[in-house]
Protein backbone atom coordinates (compact mmCIF):
# COMPACT_ATOMS: atom_id res chain seq x y z
CA UNK A 1 -0.26 -0.45 -0.28
CA UNK A 2 1.34 3.65 -1.06
CA UNK A 3 1.55 5.90 1.24
CA UNK A 4 -1.26 7.98 -0.34
CA UNK A 5 -3.42 4.61 -0.03
CA UNK A 6 -2.15 4.32 3.96
CA UNK A 7 -3.20 7.81 4.18
CA UNK A 8 -6.90 7.45 2.79
CA UNK A 9 -7.29 4.71 4.99
CA UNK A 10 -6.05 5.67 7.51
CA UNK A 11 -8.50 9.45 7.16
CA UNK A 12 -11.73 7.47 6.63
CA UNK A 13 -11.09 5.17 9.10
CA UNK A 14 -10.85 8.12 11.71
CA UNK A 15 -14.71 9.19 9.88
CA UNK A 16 -16.10 6.18 10.47
CA UNK A 17 -14.89 6.42 14.55
CA UNK A 18 -16.27 10.32 15.07
CA UNK A 19 -19.17 9.34 13.10
CA UNK A 20 -19.84 7.22 16.69
CA UNK A 21 -19.24 9.70 18.93
CA UNK A 22 -21.18 12.64 16.97
CA UNK A 23 -24.53 11.20 16.31
CA UNK A 24 -26.65 12.49 18.90
CA UNK A 25 -27.52 9.75 21.37
CA UNK A 26 -31.39 8.78 21.59
CA UNK A 27 -32.34 9.84 25.38
CA UNK A 28 -32.51 7.26 28.01
CA UNK A 29 -34.93 7.19 30.02
CA UNK A 30 -36.31 5.38 33.92
CA UNK A 31 -38.37 5.80 36.81
CA UNK A 32 -36.78 5.41 40.49
CA UNK A 33 -38.14 6.46 44.21
CA UNK A 34 -35.63 8.25 46.24
CA UNK A 35 -35.43 10.76 49.24
CA UNK A 36 -34.85 14.53 48.48
CA UNK A 37 -31.44 15.54 49.52
CA UNK A 38 -30.76 18.80 48.60
CA UNK A 39 -32.28 21.71 46.82
CA UNK A 40 -30.98 24.21 44.58
CA UNK A 41 -33.60 26.00 43.14
CA UNK A 42 -30.58 28.70 41.37
CA UNK A 43 -28.99 26.09 39.62
CA UNK A 44 -32.09 24.14 38.55
CA UNK A 45 -30.66 20.92 39.96
CA UNK A 46 -31.66 18.54 43.03
CA UNK A 47 -30.18 16.15 45.07
CA UNK A 48 -31.43 12.45 45.58
CA UNK A 49 -30.64 9.50 46.68
CA UNK A 50 -32.62 7.05 45.37
CA UNK A 51 -32.33 2.87 44.52
CA UNK A 52 -30.60 1.33 41.67
CA UNK A 53 -32.60 2.73 37.83
CA UNK A 54 -31.96 -0.21 35.89
CA UNK A 55 -32.71 1.61 32.56
CA UNK A 56 -30.52 3.85 32.82
CA UNK A 57 -28.08 2.34 34.19
CA UNK A 58 -27.93 3.82 37.26
CA UNK A 59 -27.07 1.85 40.78
CA UNK A 60 -27.96 2.83 44.08
CA UNK A 61 -26.87 6.46 44.62
CA UNK A 62 -26.78 10.21 45.62
CA UNK A 63 -26.63 11.90 42.38
CA UNK A 64 -27.47 15.44 41.28
CA UNK A 65 -30.07 15.73 38.80
CA UNK A 66 -30.93 18.83 36.42
CA UNK A 67 -34.44 19.50 37.03
CA UNK A 68 -37.08 22.88 35.48
CA UNK A 69 -37.23 25.32 38.36
CA UNK A 70 -41.24 24.53 38.20
CA UNK A 71 -41.27 21.09 38.70
CA UNK A 72 -38.85 22.01 42.49
CA UNK A 73 -42.35 23.16 44.34
CA UNK A 74 -43.03 22.31 47.33
CA UNK A 75 -40.19 19.93 47.68
CA UNK A 76 -37.95 20.40 50.88
CA UNK A 77 -35.00 17.87 52.12
CA UNK A 78 -36.35 14.79 53.30
CA UNK A 79 -39.57 14.52 50.80
CA UNK A 80 -39.70 10.56 49.86
CA UNK A 81 -40.86 10.76 46.28
CA UNK A 82 -41.20 9.55 43.24
CA UNK A 83 -39.63 9.89 39.75
CA UNK A 84 -38.78 9.85 36.37
CA UNK A 85 -35.58 10.92 34.93
CA UNK A 86 -33.74 11.27 31.76
CA UNK A 87 -30.03 10.73 30.17
CA UNK A 88 -29.38 13.66 27.89
CA UNK A 89 -25.55 14.82 26.10
CA UNK A 90 -24.31 12.60 29.35
CA UNK A 91 -26.74 14.50 32.00
CA UNK A 92 -29.58 12.96 33.92
CA UNK A 93 -32.19 15.37 34.08
CA UNK A 94 -35.99 14.74 36.42
CA UNK A 95 -39.12 15.46 33.80
CA UNK A 96 -40.88 14.30 36.26
CA UNK A 97 -41.21 14.15 40.06
CA UNK A 98 -43.91 14.43 42.84
CA UNK A 99 -44.04 13.09 46.87
């Protein structure tokens, strides 16, 4: 294989590998139950201690989630909650939550 052909093959392989990382990932979604640990409405974040969420491949963990500030209404640390979360662009987002 000549130098030009080798270079073209290497570039083609690199582009093929890049497509795997650039293609948008579908949002994964799962439900769980847990306890509110912290609320940061200014940052739009909530910290939940929860059991495993199989759909998101999460073990039992305490994790900070992004959340729409409107969903925080009436929630306080210590509340037991049920929620639905999504993994979007590498971040976890609460899309529904209730006591």
